[in-house]
Amino acid sequence: MAVEQARPSPEQFLTLIRRQERGRLKVYLGSAAGVGKTYAMLREGHR
């Protein structure tokens, strides 16, 4: 008695991969100068 698992079609798999590779918007908030907003943005951009 084998349990058949649902397997995505190649098109569904490619759609899933493309969706995961999309960029994400990040907003850096800081209430005071010198808290590291620019450093954090540059570090993330370099990754």
PDB file of N, CA and C in Angstrom:
ATOM      1  N   MET A   1       0.835  -1.174   0.000  1.00  0.00           N
ATOM      2  CA  MET A   1       0.000   0.000   0.000  1.00  0.00           C
ATOM      3  C   MET A   1       0.885   1.245   0.000  1.00  0.00           C
ATOM      4  N   ALA A   2       1.192   1.737  -1.166  1.00  0.00           N
ATOM      5  CA  ALA A   2       2.065   2.901  -1.315  1.00  0.00           C
ATOM      6  C   ALA A   2       1.242   4.180  -1.264  1.00  0.00           C
ATOM      7  N   VAL A   3       1.780   5.158  -0.578  1.00  0.00           N
ATOM      8  CA  VAL A   3       1.124   6.456  -0.500  1.00  0.00           C
ATOM      9  C   VAL A   3       1.723   7.328  -1.595  1.00  0.00           C
ATOM     10  N   GLU A   4       0.878   7.781  -2.497  1.00  0.00           N
ATOM     11  CA  GLU A   4       1.357   8.602  -3.607  1.00  0.00           C
ATOM     12  C   GLU A   4       1.374  10.063  -3.183  1.00  0.00           C
ATOM     13  N   GLN A   5       2.544  10.683  -3.299  1.00  0.00           N
ATOM     14  CA  GLN A   5       2.674  12.084  -2.927  1.00  0.00           C
ATOM     15  C   GLN A   5       2.457  12.949  -4.166  1.00  0.00           C
ATOM     16  N   ALA A   6       1.821  14.084  -3.960  1.00  0.00           N
ATOM     17  CA  ALA A   6       1.603  15.015  -5.063  1.00  0.00           C
ATOM     18  C   ALA A   6       2.944  15.602  -5.481  1.00  0.00           C
ATOM     19  N   ARG A   7       3.215  15.546  -6.756  1.00  0.00           N
ATOM     20  CA  ARG A   7       4.479  16.043  -7.282  1.00  0.00           C
ATOM     21  C   ARG A   7       4.167  17.172  -8.264  1.00  0.00           C
ATOM     22  N   PRO A   8       4.809  18.341  -8.085  1.00  0.00           N
ATOM     23  CA  PRO A   8       4.490  19.467  -8.962  1.00  0.00           C
ATOM     24  C   PRO A   8       4.990  19.222 -10.386  1.00  0.00           C
ATOM     25  N   SER A   9       4.290  19.809 -11.333  1.00  0.00           N
ATOM     26  CA  SER A   9       4.728  19.718 -12.724  1.00  0.00           C
ATOM     27  C   SER A   9       5.967  20.593 -12.897  1.00  0.00           C
ATOM     28  N   PRO A  10       6.735  20.393 -13.960  1.00  0.00           N
ATOM     29  CA  PRO A  10       7.919  21.239 -14.181  1.00  0.00           C
ATOM     30  C   PRO A  10       7.572  22.726 -14.244  1.00  0.00           C
ATOM     31  N   GLU A  11       6.436  23.060 -14.838  1.00  0.00           N
ATOM     32  CA  GLU A  11       6.035  24.467 -14.920  1.00  0.00           C
ATOM     33  C   GLU A  11       5.747  25.045 -13.535  1.00  0.00           C
ATOM     34  N   GLN A  12       5.082  24.265 -12.699  1.00  0.00           N
ATOM     35  CA  GLN A  12       4.797  24.727 -11.334  1.00  0.00           C
ATOM     36  C   GLN A  12       6.088  24.893 -10.545  1.00  0.00           C
ATOM     37  N   PHE A  13       7.032  23.994 -10.753  1.00  0.00           N
ATOM     38  CA  PHE A  13       8.311  24.063 -10.054  1.00  0.00           C
ATOM     39  C   PHE A  13       9.080  25.317 -10.466  1.00  0.00           C
ATOM     40  N   LEU A  14       9.120  25.616 -11.774  1.00  0.00           N
ATOM     41  CA  LEU A  14       9.806  26.820 -12.241  1.00  0.00           C
ATOM     42  C   LEU A  14       9.141  28.084 -11.714  1.00  0.00           C
ATOM     43  N   THR A  15       7.831  28.091 -11.654  1.00  0.00           N
ATOM     44  CA  THR A  15       7.109  29.240 -11.105  1.00  0.00           C
ATOM     45  C   THR A  15       7.470  29.450  -9.643  1.00  0.00           C
ATOM     46  N   LEU A  16       7.555  28.375  -8.894  1.00  0.00           N
ATOM     47  CA  LEU A  16       7.922  28.458  -7.483  1.00  0.00           C
ATOM     48  C   LEU A  16       9.333  29.014  -7.317  1.00  0.00           C
ATOM     49  N   ILE A  17      10.271  28.552  -8.133  1.00  0.00           N
ATOM     50  CA  ILE A  17      11.656  29.029  -8.050  1.00  0.00           C
ATOM     51  C   ILE A  17      11.732  30.505  -8.408  1.00  0.00           C
ATOM     52  N   ARG A  18      11.058  30.905  -9.470  1.00  0.00           N
ATOM     53  CA  ARG A  18      11.075  32.320  -9.874  1.00  0.00           C
ATOM     54  C   ARG A  18      10.500  33.214  -8.781  1.00  0.00           C
ATOM     55  N   ARG A  19       9.456  32.756  -8.137  1.00  0.00           N
ATOM     56  CA  ARG A  19       8.829  33.536  -7.072  1.00  0.00           C
ATOM     57  C   ARG A  19       9.799  33.714  -5.905  1.00  0.00           C
ATOM     58  N   GLN A  20      10.585  32.699  -5.589  1.00  0.00           N
ATOM     59  CA  GLN A  20      11.506  32.768  -4.461  1.00  0.00           C
ATOM     60  C   GLN A  20      12.697  33.661  -4.764  1.00  0.00           C
ATOM     61  N   GLU A  21      13.060  33.838  -6.035  1.00  0.00           N
ATOM     62  CA  GLU A  21      14.229  34.623  -6.395  1.00  0.00           C
ATOM     63  C   GLU A  21      13.935  36.111  -6.515  1.00  0.00           C
ATOM     64  N   ARG A  22      12.688  36.505  -6.385  1.00  0.00           N
ATOM     65  CA  ARG A  22      12.350  37.916  -6.499  1.00  0.00           C
ATOM     66  C   ARG A  22      12.954  38.696  -5.349  1.00  0.00           C
ATOM     67  N   GLY A  23      13.242  39.965  -5.606  1.00  0.00           N
ATOM     68  CA  GLY A  23      13.808  40.824  -4.584  1.00  0.00           C
ATOM     69  C   GLY A  23      12.790  41.174  -3.515  1.00  0.00           C
ATOM     70  N   ARG A  24      13.290  41.691  -2.439  1.00  0.00           N
ATOM     71  CA  ARG A  24      12.418  42.097  -1.344  1.00  0.00           C
ATOM     72  C   ARG A  24      12.766  43.517  -0.952  1.00  0.00           C
ATOM     73  N   LEU A  25      11.741  44.266  -0.643  1.00  0.00           N
ATOM     74  CA  LEU A  25      11.930  45.646  -0.230  1.00  0.00           C
ATOM     75  C   LEU A  25      12.197  45.684   1.267  1.00  0.00           C
ATOM     76  N   LYS A  26      13.259  46.384   1.638  1.00  0.00           N
ATOM     77  CA  LYS A  26      13.568  46.562   3.057  1.00  0.00           C
ATOM     78  C   LYS A  26      13.598  48.050   3.355  1.00  0.00           C
ATOM     79  N   VAL A  27      13.011  48.427   4.452  1.00  0.00           N
ATOM     80  CA  VAL A  27      13.012  49.811   4.895  1.00  0.00           C
ATOM     81  C   VAL A  27      13.799  49.870   6.197  1.00  0.00           C
ATOM     82  N   TYR A  28      14.838  50.707   6.196  1.00  0.00           N
ATOM     83  CA  TYR A  28      15.678  50.845   7.382  1.00  0.00           C
ATOM     84  C   TYR A  28      15.254  52.106   8.128  1.00  0.00           C
ATOM     85  N   LEU A  29      14.826  51.920   9.357  1.00  0.00           N
ATOM     86  CA  LEU A  29      14.374  53.038  10.173  1.00  0.00           C
ATOM     87  C   LEU A  29      15.357  53.288  11.306  1.00  0.00           C
ATOM     88  N   GLY A  30      15.602  54.537  11.556  1.00  0.00           N
ATOM     89  CA  GLY A  30      16.453  54.907  12.679  1.00  0.00           C
ATOM     90  C   GLY A  30      16.062  56.301  13.134  1.00  0.00           C
ATOM     91  N   SER A  31      15.906  56.468  14.400  1.00  0.00           N
ATOM     92  CA  SER A  31      15.424  57.760  14.899  1.00  0.00           C
ATOM     93  C   SER A  31      16.549  58.746  15.183  1.00  0.00           C
ATOM     94  N   ALA A  32      17.793  58.311  15.080  1.00  0.00           N
ATOM     95  CA  ALA A  32      18.905  59.205  15.374  1.00  0.00           C
ATOM     96  C   ALA A  32      20.031  58.979  14.373  1.00  0.00           C
ATOM     97  N   ALA A  33      20.808  60.017  14.173  1.00  0.00           N
ATOM     98  CA  ALA A  33      21.963  59.898  13.282  1.00  0.00           C
ATOM     99  C   ALA A  33      23.006  58.986  13.921  1.00  0.00           C
ATOM    100  N   GLY A  34      23.676  58.214  13.096  1.00  0.00           N
ATOM    101  CA  GLY A  34      24.756  57.374  13.607  1.00  0.00           C
ATOM    102  C   GLY A  34      24.323  56.036  14.165  1.00  0.00           C
ATOM    103  N   VAL A  35      23.114  55.594  13.865  1.00  0.00           N
ATOM    104  CA  VAL A  35      22.655  54.311  14.399  1.00  0.00           C
ATOM    105  C   VAL A  35      22.982  53.142  13.471  1.00  0.00           C
ATOM    106  N   GLY A  36      23.556  53.427  12.281  1.00  0.00           N
ATOM    107  CA  GLY A  36      24.008  52.351  11.408  1.00  0.00           C
ATOM    108  C   GLY A  36      23.102  52.017  10.235  1.00  0.00           C
ATOM    109  N   LYS A  37      22.207  52.925   9.874  1.00  0.00           N
ATOM    110  CA  LYS A  37      21.288  52.642   8.759  1.00  0.00           C
ATOM    111  C   LYS A  37      22.051  52.461   7.453  1.00  0.00           C
ATOM    112  N   THR A  38      22.921  53.399   7.123  1.00  0.00           N
ATOM    113  CA  THR A  38      23.655  53.332   5.861  1.00  0.00           C
ATOM    114  C   THR A  38      24.563  52.121   5.842  1.00  0.00           C
ATOM    115  N   TYR A  39      25.239  51.844   6.919  1.00  0.00           N
ATOM    116  CA  TYR A  39      26.122  50.683   6.985  1.00  0.00           C
ATOM    117  C   TYR A  39      25.342  49.394   6.759  1.00  0.00           C
ATOM    118  N   ALA A  40      24.183  49.280   7.376  1.00  0.00           N
ATOM    119  CA  ALA A  40      23.363  48.075   7.220  1.00  0.00           C
ATOM    120  C   ALA A  40      22.881  47.926   5.781  1.00  0.00           C
ATOM    121  N   MET A  41      22.475  49.036   5.142  1.00  0.00           N
ATOM    122  CA  MET A  41      22.018  48.970   3.751  1.00  0.00           C
ATOM    123  C   MET A  41      23.152  48.562   2.824  1.00  0.00           C
ATOM    124  N   LEU A  42      24.327  49.140   3.004  1.00  0.00           N
ATOM    125  CA  LEU A  42      25.467  48.796   2.150  1.00  0.00           C
ATOM    126  C   LEU A  42      25.900  47.353   2.354  1.00  0.00           C
ATOM    127  N   ARG A  43      25.876  46.894   3.578  1.00  0.00           N
ATOM    128  CA  ARG A  43      26.255  45.511   3.863  1.00  0.00           C
ATOM    129  C   ARG A  43      25.277  44.535   3.210  1.00  0.00           C
ATOM    130  N   GLU A  44      23.982  44.816   3.293  1.00  0.00           N
ATOM    131  CA  GLU A  44      22.974  43.958   2.658  1.00  0.00           C
ATOM    132  C   GLU A  44      23.105  43.993   1.144  1.00  0.00           C
ATOM    133  N   GLY A  45      23.383  45.160   0.584  1.00  0.00           N
ATOM    134  CA  GLY A  45      23.532  45.279  -0.863  1.00  0.00           C
ATOM    135  C   GLY A  45      24.737  44.528  -1.384  1.00  0.00           C
ATOM    136  N   HIS A  46      25.754  44.434  -0.577  1.00  0.00           N
ATOM    137  CA  HIS A  46      26.978  43.726  -0.979  1.00  0.00           C
ATOM    138  C   HIS A  46      26.780  42.224  -0.984  1.00  0.00           C
ATOM    139  N   ARG A  47      25.844  41.730  -0.165  1.00  0.00           N
ATOM    140  CA  ARG A  47      25.599  40.286  -0.085  1.00  0.00           C
ATOM    141  C   ARG A  47      25.067  39.742  -1.331  1.00  0.00           C
TER     142      ARG A  47
END
